[in-house]
């Protein structure tokens, strides 16, 4: 009688020494890019005083960054596929470091705005290139889920850390350090990355779809500009309406161009993949709701509770901690269940604790509610973000990962840009111009209710459209 050796369980893939360095390099870069989205928000009044910006001109410090960061992401993501993601990643980080140095040394509003445009272009190129280098360095499965979990955690934490860091640097040193802080980080990544990152480019280099690139880039620019104008002047402002209408027309034009061209910027079959299309919608909702919640709570902490910018910024450290923990546990949740389960569970957790903020009051005792609610809501939001990243980049070959990550990065950056104008318009409508602490609280409360409804819409999409696909695939 022969004995059969028991079957050995498949070994869990492990990170090699080189992959650990690759992961650290890419995560540090992505964290820095995320910090840039919010680091100047609290510093805006100090920048205005230092360089002589008018009150209406201050919003262009944010808009000059947001327009290219969102508008060019998809194009640069595809360019990275064609010309080499490593080359695009390193070049964009060099541009980010240089433009940050110029911004920190700026002596006029014009120089600072030019530096912000360059920072936005660098972010539009570096974000999808870095994310696609991450997804191609780690094969589908546990290692990629872990890498994307850490990436999502640090990106969301970076947005929150930007608010904290901006307040600290502005109060203790100068607003100029909100620019200078990027320079040594970019230099460190540029010194290490060439030795550990492998280049990736196609064997045959197709033509870039110029009509499609023009349509989608101009369409995104028009949409983002319209959103920023709506946030500043209201949703009935003619410039906002015309820009949004132009953006919609251009995006529809882009779709029909892609259907007819031989070498499209975004192949229609990719857009028709349920995971790509609906995953990106969920990502847009996730980023729009959480980043706009930071804006709402900034208003509440400073205008209703009377906190300083520094204290308000420090308060968001709890939210940042929640996002980091959410990013760490998200891969484990998906390993035991699925990405769709993480999207649904995370959305329900985020919705529940966002809704809890409806009970905020006018006294500092409300911090006992705000801090744990933002912590747990941050955990839930990060489950959604990591679930979205995995869903939107799964099932595509390596040569289309730049496209997939470009779409994911576009959803992220448009979501960040989209959320604040929407919530700002809700607060403005609710307060009817009143700036008392009680009026601001009423406006913030209504906007939090809208925020919660958007999160629940995401849960409904994940629980129906994506859940149906998951069961069909089994």
Protein backbone atom coordinates (compact mmCIF):
# COMPACT_ATOMS: atom_id res chain seq x y z
CA UNK A 1 0.00 0.00 0.00
CA UNK A 2 1.44 3.31 -1.05
CA UNK A 3 1.00 6.48 0.92
CA UNK A 4 0.18 9.70 -0.91
CA UNK A 5 1.82 12.82 0.42
CA UNK A 6 -0.70 15.47 1.46
CA UNK A 7 -1.10 18.28 -1.05
CA UNK A 8 0.85 21.37 -0.10
CA UNK A 9 -1.03 24.64 0.14
CA UNK A 10 0.03 27.16 -2.48
CA UNK A 11 2.63 29.53 -1.15
CA UNK A 12 1.57 33.10 -0.53
CA UNK A 13 3.60 35.39 -2.78
CA UNK A 14 6.05 37.55 -0.86
CA UNK A 15 7.66 40.90 -1.50
CA UNK A 16 11.27 40.64 -2.61
CA UNK A 17 13.84 43.22 -1.53
CA UNK A 18 13.68 44.98 -4.90
CA UNK A 19 9.87 45.07 -4.91
CA UNK A 20 9.90 46.61 -1.43
CA UNK A 21 12.12 49.44 -2.71
CA UNK A 22 9.88 49.87 -5.77
CA UNK A 23 6.84 50.05 -3.50
CA UNK A 24 8.43 52.64 -1.19
CA UNK A 25 9.59 54.83 -4.09
CA UNK A 26 6.20 54.84 -5.79
CA UNK A 27 4.24 55.30 -2.56
CA UNK A 28 6.38 58.25 -1.48
CA UNK A 29 5.84 59.88 -4.87
CA UNK A 30 2.08 59.31 -4.80
CA UNK A 31 1.85 60.62 -1.23
CA UNK A 32 3.65 63.80 -2.27
CA UNK A 33 1.31 64.26 -5.23
CA UNK A 34 -1.72 63.84 -2.96
CA UNK A 35 -0.37 66.37 -0.44
CA UNK A 36 -0.13 68.94 -3.23
CA UNK A 37 -3.90 68.90 -3.73
CA UNK A 38 -4.61 70.42 -0.32
CA UNK A 39 -1.42 71.85 1.17
CA UNK A 40 -2.09 75.40 -0.03
CA UNK A 41 -5.78 75.59 0.99
CA UNK A 42 -5.15 76.89 4.51
CA UNK A 43 -2.21 79.02 3.30
CA UNK A 44 -4.26 80.98 0.72
CA UNK A 45 -4.83 84.11 2.90
CA UNK A 46 -1.11 84.28 3.75
CA UNK A 47 -0.15 83.92 0.08
CA UNK A 48 -2.61 86.68 -0.82
CA UNK A 49 -1.06 89.02 1.74
CA UNK A 50 2.49 88.13 0.73
CA UNK A 51 2.15 88.54 -3.04
CA UNK A 52 -0.72 90.99 -3.33
CA UNK A 53 -3.43 88.72 -4.73
CA UNK A 54 -6.91 90.23 -4.87
CA UNK A 55 -9.61 88.38 -2.95
CA UNK A 56 -11.18 87.11 -6.18
CA UNK A 57 -7.75 86.16 -7.53
CA UNK A 58 -6.98 83.77 -4.67
CA UNK A 59 -9.18 81.02 -6.10
CA UNK A 60 -6.92 80.89 -9.16
CA UNK A 61 -4.13 79.46 -7.01
CA UNK A 62 -6.27 76.33 -6.65
CA UNK A 63 -7.87 76.48 -10.11
CA UNK A 64 -4.53 76.86 -11.93
CA UNK A 65 -3.50 73.52 -10.40
CA UNK A 66 -6.84 71.71 -10.73
CA UNK A 67 -7.41 72.47 -14.42
CA UNK A 68 -4.28 70.77 -15.85
CA UNK A 69 -4.19 68.12 -13.09
CA UNK A 70 -7.63 66.82 -14.11
CA UNK A 71 -7.69 67.88 -17.75
CA UNK A 72 -4.49 66.20 -18.93
CA UNK A 73 -4.50 63.05 -16.79
CA UNK A 74 -6.09 60.74 -19.35
CA UNK A 75 -3.89 61.99 -22.20
CA UNK A 76 -0.68 61.67 -20.20
CA UNK A 77 -1.71 58.22 -18.97
CA UNK A 78 -1.94 57.05 -22.56
CA UNK A 79 1.28 58.83 -23.56
CA UNK A 80 3.02 56.86 -20.80
CA UNK A 81 1.73 53.64 -22.37
CA UNK A 82 3.24 54.65 -25.71
CA UNK A 83 6.49 56.40 -24.79
CA UNK A 84 7.38 54.59 -21.56
CA UNK A 85 5.86 55.00 -18.11
CA UNK A 86 9.22 55.19 -16.33
CA UNK A 87 10.37 58.01 -18.60
CA UNK A 88 7.13 59.97 -18.10
CA UNK A 89 7.20 59.36 -14.34
CA UNK A 90 10.77 60.60 -13.87
CA UNK A 91 10.31 63.59 -16.18
CA UNK A 92 7.12 64.70 -14.44
CA UNK A 93 8.72 64.42 -10.99
CA UNK A 94 11.60 66.60 -12.19
CA UNK A 95 9.05 69.15 -13.42
CA UNK A 96 7.21 68.99 -10.09
CA UNK A 97 10.39 69.64 -8.12
CA UNK A 98 11.41 72.54 -10.36
CA UNK A 99 7.97 74.16 -10.40
CA UNK A 100 7.71 73.81 -6.60
CA UNK A 101 11.03 75.62 -6.24
CA UNK A 102 9.83 78.39 -8.56
CA UNK A 103 6.54 78.67 -6.64
CA UNK A 104 8.34 78.97 -3.32
CA UNK A 105 10.57 81.71 -4.69
CA UNK A 106 7.77 83.56 -6.53
CA UNK A 107 7.69 87.33 -6.14
CA UNK A 108 4.57 88.09 -8.21
CA UNK A 109 1.13 86.50 -8.62
CA UNK A 110 1.90 85.72 -12.27
CA UNK A 111 5.00 83.65 -11.41
CA UNK A 112 3.14 81.74 -8.72
CA UNK A 113 0.20 80.95 -11.03
CA UNK A 114 2.62 79.73 -13.73
CA UNK A 115 4.28 77.48 -11.14
CA UNK A 116 0.89 76.08 -10.12
CA UNK A 117 0.03 75.28 -13.75
CA UNK A 118 3.35 73.42 -14.09
CA UNK A 119 2.65 71.54 -10.83
CA UNK A 120 -0.75 70.52 -12.20
CA UNK A 121 0.76 69.26 -15.46
CA UNK A 122 3.40 67.31 -13.53
CA UNK A 123 0.71 65.74 -11.35
CA UNK A 124 -1.39 64.83 -14.41
CA UNK A 125 1.60 62.93 -15.83
CA UNK A 126 3.09 61.43 -12.67
CA UNK A 127 -0.10 60.09 -11.07
CA UNK A 128 -1.19 57.63 -13.81
CA UNK A 129 2.42 56.75 -14.68
CA UNK A 130 3.23 55.93 -11.05
CA UNK A 131 0.02 53.96 -10.60
CA UNK A 132 0.57 51.95 -13.78
CA UNK A 133 4.17 51.21 -12.75
CA UNK A 134 2.70 49.92 -9.49
CA UNK A 135 0.09 47.67 -11.13
CA UNK A 136 2.55 46.23 -13.67
CA UNK A 137 5.28 45.64 -11.04
CA UNK A 138 2.87 43.54 -8.94
CA UNK A 139 0.87 40.72 -10.57
CA UNK A 140 -2.90 40.47 -10.08
CA UNK A 141 -3.68 38.88 -6.75
CA UNK A 142 -2.61 39.41 -3.12
CA UNK A 143 0.52 41.43 -3.85
CA UNK A 144 -1.27 43.88 -6.13
CA UNK A 145 -4.15 44.23 -3.68
CA UNK A 146 -1.67 44.95 -0.90
CA UNK A 147 0.20 47.51 -3.03
CA UNK A 148 -3.01 49.24 -4.09
CA UNK A 149 -4.25 49.22 -0.50
CA UNK A 150 -1.12 51.00 0.70
CA UNK A 151 -1.25 53.35 -2.27
CA UNK A 152 -4.88 54.27 -1.62
CA UNK A 153 -4.24 54.77 2.08
CA UNK A 154 -1.29 57.07 1.51
CA UNK A 155 -3.04 59.05 -1.23
CA UNK A 156 -6.09 59.72 0.92
CA UNK A 157 -3.91 60.35 3.96
CA UNK A 158 -1.81 62.68 1.81
CA UNK A 159 -4.83 64.83 1.04
CA UNK A 160 -5.59 65.09 4.75
CA UNK A 161 -1.92 65.54 5.66
CA UNK A 162 -1.75 68.41 3.19
CA UNK A 163 -4.32 70.33 5.22
CA UNK A 164 -2.39 69.63 8.44
CA UNK A 165 1.03 70.35 6.94
CA UNK A 166 -0.15 73.51 5.22
CA UNK A 167 -1.36 74.99 8.49
CA UNK A 168 1.76 73.96 10.42
CA UNK A 169 4.26 75.25 7.84
CA UNK A 170 2.38 78.52 7.31
CA UNK A 171 2.10 79.25 11.04
CA UNK A 172 5.60 78.16 12.05
CA UNK A 173 7.68 79.10 8.98
CA UNK A 174 6.10 80.63 5.87
CA UNK A 175 3.64 79.74 3.14
CA UNK A 176 6.67 79.34 0.85
CA UNK A 177 7.55 76.09 2.64
CA UNK A 178 4.30 74.58 1.35
CA UNK A 179 6.12 74.66 -2.02
CA UNK A 180 9.66 73.98 -0.84
CA UNK A 181 8.71 70.74 0.95
CA UNK A 182 8.30 69.01 -2.43
CA UNK A 183 11.85 69.71 -3.60
CA UNK A 184 13.89 67.32 -1.39
CA UNK A 185 11.26 64.57 -1.75
CA UNK A 186 11.30 64.83 -5.56
CA UNK A 187 15.12 64.79 -5.56
CA UNK A 188 15.24 61.68 -3.37
CA UNK A 189 12.81 59.80 -5.61
CA UNK A 190 14.72 60.88 -8.74
CA UNK A 191 17.99 59.58 -7.27
CA UNK A 192 16.60 56.15 -6.31
CA UNK A 193 13.91 55.44 -8.91
CA UNK A 194 16.12 54.98 -12.02
CA UNK A 195 17.94 52.09 -10.34
CA UNK A 196 14.83 50.11 -9.35
CA UNK A 197 12.06 50.97 -11.83
CA UNK A 198 11.94 49.06 -15.10
CA UNK A 199 10.88 50.78 -18.31
CA UNK A 200 7.75 49.60 -20.09
CA UNK A 201 6.70 50.47 -23.62
CA UNK A 202 4.96 48.61 -26.47
CA UNK A 203 6.99 46.76 -29.11
CA UNK A 204 5.18 48.65 -31.86
CA UNK A 205 4.37 52.30 -31.17
CA UNK A 206 0.93 53.31 -32.49
CA UNK A 207 -0.03 56.86 -33.41
CA UNK A 208 -1.54 59.09 -30.75
CA UNK A 209 -5.20 59.80 -31.44
CA UNK A 210 -4.94 63.60 -31.74
CA UNK A 211 -8.66 64.35 -32.38
CA UNK A 212 -9.64 62.18 -29.41
CA UNK A 213 -6.91 63.69 -27.24
CA UNK A 214 -8.05 67.22 -28.11
CA UNK A 215 -11.73 66.42 -27.43
CA UNK A 216 -11.21 64.72 -24.06
CA UNK A 217 -8.62 67.22 -22.80
CA UNK A 218 -10.67 70.28 -23.78
CA UNK A 219 -13.81 68.59 -22.45
CA UNK A 220 -12.25 67.90 -19.06
CA UNK A 221 -10.79 71.41 -18.89
CA UNK A 222 -14.24 72.88 -19.64
CA UNK A 223 -15.94 70.68 -17.03
CA UNK A 224 -13.41 71.44 -14.29
CA UNK A 225 -13.44 75.17 -15.09
CA UNK A 226 -17.24 75.16 -15.04
CA UNK A 227 -17.25 73.41 -11.67
CA UNK A 228 -14.82 75.87 -10.12
CA UNK A 229 -16.84 78.81 -11.46
CA UNK A 230 -20.05 77.27 -10.13
CA UNK A 231 -18.46 76.92 -6.70
CA UNK A 232 -17.38 80.57 -6.74
CA UNK A 233 -20.35 82.29 -8.44
CA UNK A 234 -23.21 79.78 -8.22
CA UNK A 235 -24.66 77.18 -10.57
CA UNK A 236 -26.71 79.73 -12.54
CA UNK A 237 -23.69 81.87 -13.51
CA UNK A 238 -23.50 82.11 -17.35
CA UNK A 239 -19.76 81.29 -17.52
CA UNK A 240 -20.26 78.18 -15.34
CA UNK A 241 -23.23 76.98 -17.38
CA UNK A 242 -21.56 77.56 -20.75
CA UNK A 243 -18.37 75.82 -19.61
CA UNK A 244 -20.25 72.81 -18.27
CA UNK A 245 -22.34 72.58 -21.46
CA UNK A 246 -19.21 72.80 -23.62
CA UNK A 247 -17.59 70.10 -21.51
CA UNK A 248 -20.54 67.73 -21.94
CA UNK A 249 -20.64 68.31 -25.72
CA UNK A 250 -16.90 67.71 -26.04
CA UNK A 251 -17.06 64.49 -23.99
CA UNK A 252 -19.88 63.18 -26.19
CA UNK A 253 -17.81 64.14 -29.23
CA UNK A 254 -14.87 62.25 -27.73
CA UNK A 255 -16.95 59.07 -27.44
CA UNK A 256 -17.99 59.17 -31.10
CA UNK A 257 -14.44 59.97 -32.23
CA UNK A 258 -13.17 56.92 -30.34
CA UNK A 259 -15.77 54.71 -32.01
CA UNK A 260 -14.52 55.63 -35.47
CA UNK A 261 -10.76 55.97 -35.18
CA UNK A 262 -8.46 53.02 -35.93
CA UNK A 263 -6.09 53.68 -33.02
CA UNK A 264 -8.23 55.32 -30.31
CA UNK A 265 -6.89 57.07 -27.23
CA UNK A 266 -9.42 55.07 -25.19
CA UNK A 267 -10.69 51.93 -26.98
CA UNK A 268 -14.47 51.75 -26.69
CA UNK A 269 -14.31 48.12 -25.57
CA UNK A 270 -12.47 49.30 -22.43
CA UNK A 271 -15.13 51.92 -21.67
CA UNK A 272 -17.81 49.25 -22.11
CA UNK A 273 -16.25 46.97 -19.48
CA UNK A 274 -18.56 47.11 -16.51
CA UNK A 275 -15.72 47.04 -14.00
CA UNK A 276 -13.97 49.97 -15.68
CA UNK A 277 -17.05 52.14 -16.25
CA UNK A 278 -18.84 51.61 -12.94
CA UNK A 279 -15.64 51.25 -10.94
CA UNK A 280 -14.56 54.72 -12.03
CA UNK A 281 -17.96 56.20 -11.20
CA UNK A 282 -17.62 54.76 -7.68
CA UNK A 283 -14.10 56.19 -7.42
CA UNK A 284 -15.34 59.63 -8.46
CA UNK A 285 -18.06 59.49 -5.79
CA UNK A 286 -15.60 58.31 -3.13
CA UNK A 287 -13.13 61.13 -3.71
CA UNK A 288 -15.83 63.78 -4.19
CA UNK A 289 -17.56 62.95 -0.91
CA UNK A 290 -14.55 62.61 1.38
CA UNK A 291 -12.54 65.59 0.12
CA UNK A 292 -15.61 67.83 0.15
CA UNK A 293 -16.31 66.68 3.71
CA UNK A 294 -12.91 68.08 4.67
CA UNK A 295 -14.02 71.42 3.19
CA UNK A 296 -17.34 71.32 5.09
CA UNK A 297 -15.68 70.49 8.40
CA UNK A 298 -13.08 73.22 7.84
CA UNK A 299 -15.95 75.70 7.57
CA UNK A 300 -17.57 74.24 10.69
CA UNK A 301 -14.41 74.20 12.81
CA UNK A 302 -13.32 77.73 11.86
CA UNK A 303 -16.62 79.57 11.38
CA UNK A 304 -18.87 77.84 13.91
CA UNK A 305 -16.44 76.67 16.61
CA UNK A 306 -13.94 79.51 16.04
CA UNK A 307 -10.85 77.31 15.73
CA UNK A 308 -7.65 78.67 14.20
CA UNK A 309 -6.40 77.30 10.86
CA UNK A 310 -3.65 75.45 12.71
CA UNK A 311 -6.05 73.77 15.17
CA UNK A 312 -8.54 72.93 12.42
CA UNK A 313 -5.77 71.36 10.37
CA UNK A 314 -4.55 69.26 13.30
CA UNK A 315 -8.11 67.97 13.84
CA UNK A 316 -7.99 66.25 10.47
CA UNK A 317 -5.13 64.06 11.66
CA UNK A 318 -7.77 61.68 13.06
CA UNK A 319 -9.36 61.36 9.62
CA UNK A 320 -5.91 60.69 8.15
CA UNK A 321 -5.32 57.92 10.69
CA UNK A 322 -8.62 56.33 9.71
CA UNK A 323 -7.71 56.31 6.02
CA UNK A 324 -4.33 54.70 6.73
CA UNK A 325 -5.97 51.92 8.77
CA UNK A 326 -8.62 51.48 6.08
CA UNK A 327 -5.91 51.07 3.47
CA UNK A 328 -4.15 48.43 5.55
CA UNK A 329 -7.24 46.31 6.16
CA UNK A 330 -8.79 46.70 2.68
CA UNK A 331 -6.58 44.04 1.01
CA UNK A 332 -7.43 41.58 3.80
CA UNK A 333 -11.15 42.26 3.39
CA UNK A 334 -10.92 41.68 -0.37
CA UNK A 335 -8.79 38.55 0.06
CA UNK A 336 -11.49 37.00 2.25
CA UNK A 337 -14.47 38.32 0.26
CA UNK A 338 -14.23 40.41 -2.93
CA UNK A 339 -13.62 43.94 -4.15
CA UNK A 340 -17.38 44.40 -4.51
CA UNK A 341 -17.92 43.46 -0.86
CA UNK A 342 -15.29 46.03 0.15
CA UNK A 343 -17.10 48.67 -1.92
CA UNK A 344 -20.46 47.91 -0.30
CA UNK A 345 -19.22 47.48 3.28
CA UNK A 346 -16.93 50.51 3.09
CA UNK A 347 -19.69 52.66 1.60
CA UNK A 348 -22.14 51.67 4.34
CA UNK A 349 -19.55 52.46 7.02
CA UNK A 350 -18.73 55.82 5.43
CA UNK A 351 -22.43 56.69 5.03
CA UNK A 352 -23.28 55.79 8.63
CA UNK A 353 -20.58 57.96 10.17
CA UNK A 354 -21.06 60.81 7.73
CA UNK A 355 -24.74 60.81 8.73
CA UNK A 356 -23.66 60.93 12.40
CA UNK A 357 -22.18 64.37 11.69
CA UNK A 358 -25.72 65.69 11.16
CA UNK A 359 -25.88 65.96 14.96
CA UNK A 360 -22.97 68.41 15.33
CA UNK A 361 -23.72 71.40 17.54
CA UNK A 362 -22.38 74.90 18.15
CA UNK A 363 -20.12 74.03 21.09
CA UNK A 364 -16.67 72.43 21.33
CA UNK A 365 -18.23 69.37 22.98
CA UNK A 366 -19.19 68.31 19.42
CA UNK A 367 -15.58 67.23 18.94
CA UNK A 368 -16.49 64.10 20.93
CA UNK A 369 -18.73 63.20 17.98
CA UNK A 370 -16.68 64.67 15.13
CA UNK A 371 -13.37 62.92 15.84
CA UNK A 372 -14.57 59.29 16.07
CA UNK A 373 -17.05 59.82 13.22
CA UNK A 374 -14.37 61.14 10.85
CA UNK A 375 -12.00 58.35 11.91
CA UNK A 376 -14.48 55.55 11.18
CA UNK A 377 -15.82 57.30 8.09
CA UNK A 378 -12.24 57.52 6.84
CA UNK A 379 -11.83 53.75 7.31
CA UNK A 380 -14.96 53.15 5.25
CA UNK A 381 -13.96 55.62 2.53
CA UNK A 382 -10.59 53.93 2.13
CA UNK A 383 -12.23 50.51 1.72
CA UNK A 384 -14.20 52.06 -1.15
CA UNK A 385 -11.14 53.72 -2.71
CA UNK A 386 -9.03 50.56 -2.67
CA UNK A 387 -12.01 48.54 -3.94
CA UNK A 388 -12.42 51.03 -6.77
CA UNK A 389 -8.71 50.89 -7.70
CA UNK A 390 -8.73 47.09 -7.83
CA UNK A 391 -12.04 46.93 -9.72
CA UNK A 392 -11.09 49.56 -12.31
CA UNK A 393 -7.67 48.02 -13.13
CA UNK A 394 -8.52 44.29 -13.05
CA UNK A 395 -8.86 42.17 -16.17
CA UNK A 396 -6.85 44.40 -18.51
CA UNK A 397 -3.48 43.42 -20.05
CA UNK A 398 -0.29 45.19 -19.01
CA UNK A 399 -0.17 47.28 -22.19
CA UNK A 400 -3.53 48.84 -21.22
CA UNK A 401 -2.69 49.40 -17.54
CA UNK A 402 -1.60 52.99 -18.26
CA UNK A 403 -5.01 53.60 -19.80
CA UNK A 404 -6.80 51.95 -16.86
CA UNK A 405 -4.80 53.90 -14.29
CA UNK A 406 -5.19 57.08 -16.35
CA UNK A 407 -8.96 56.66 -16.16
CA UNK A 408 -8.73 55.90 -12.42
CA UNK A 409 -6.51 58.94 -11.83
CA UNK A 410 -8.89 61.10 -13.87
CA UNK A 411 -11.83 59.92 -11.74
CA UNK A 412 -9.85 60.70 -8.61
CA UNK A 413 -8.84 64.19 -9.66
CA UNK A 414 -12.20 65.17 -11.15
CA UNK A 415 -13.83 63.86 -7.96
CA UNK A 416 -11.57 66.00 -5.81
CA UNK A 417 -12.39 69.03 -7.98
CA UNK A 418 -16.10 68.22 -8.24
CA UNK A 419 -16.99 67.72 -4.59
CA UNK A 420 -16.08 71.08 -3.09
CA UNK A 421 -18.00 73.29 -5.60
CA UNK A 422 -21.12 71.17 -5.17
CA UNK A 423 -20.99 71.34 -1.37
CA UNK A 424 -20.04 75.02 -1.45
CA UNK A 425 -23.12 75.75 -3.56
CA UNK A 426 -25.32 73.82 -1.10
CA UNK A 427 -23.91 75.77 1.87
CA UNK A 428 -24.29 79.11 0.05
CA UNK A 429 -27.91 78.37 -0.86
CA UNK A 430 -28.75 77.28 2.70
CA UNK A 431 -27.12 80.26 4.44
CA UNK A 432 -28.48 82.88 1.99
CA UNK A 433 -25.34 84.96 2.55
CA UNK A 434 -25.43 84.87 6.36
CA UNK A 435 -22.01 84.25 7.95
CA UNK A 436 -22.95 83.63 11.59
CA UNK A 437 -21.79 80.45 13.27
CA UNK A 438 -25.35 79.11 13.50
CA UNK A 439 -26.08 79.85 9.83
CA UNK A 440 -22.86 78.14 8.73
CA UNK A 441 -23.82 75.10 10.82
CA UNK A 442 -27.22 74.94 9.10
CA UNK A 443 -25.58 75.09 5.67
CA UNK A 444 -22.95 72.50 6.60
CA UNK A 445 -25.62 70.17 8.01
CA UNK A 446 -27.61 70.28 4.77
CA UNK A 447 -24.46 69.65 2.72
CA UNK A 448 -23.56 66.69 4.96
CA UNK A 449 -26.99 65.21 4.22
CA UNK A 450 -26.32 65.58 0.47
CA UNK A 451 -22.88 64.03 0.99
CA UNK A 452 -24.41 61.04 2.76
CA UNK A 453 -26.93 60.56 -0.05
CA UNK A 454 -24.11 60.48 -2.63
CA UNK A 455 -22.26 57.81 -0.63
CA UNK A 456 -25.44 55.71 -0.47
CA UNK A 457 -25.84 56.09 -4.24
CA UNK A 458 -22.39 54.54 -4.60
CA UNK A 459 -23.39 51.67 -2.31
CA UNK A 460 -26.50 51.05 -4.43
CA UNK A 461 -24.41 50.94 -7.64
CA UNK A 462 -21.89 48.52 -6.14
CA UNK A 463 -24.58 46.30 -4.61
CA UNK A 464 -26.56 46.01 -7.84
CA UNK A 465 -24.45 46.50 -10.98
CA UNK A 466 -21.11 45.12 -9.74
CA UNK A 467 -22.61 42.47 -7.46
CA UNK A 468 -24.60 41.14 -10.41
CA UNK A 469 -21.40 40.85 -12.44
CA UNK A 470 -19.61 39.11 -9.56
CA UNK A 471 -22.29 36.44 -9.27
CA UNK A 472 -22.43 35.97 -13.06
CA UNK A 473 -18.67 35.33 -13.13
CA UNK A 474 -18.84 32.57 -10.49
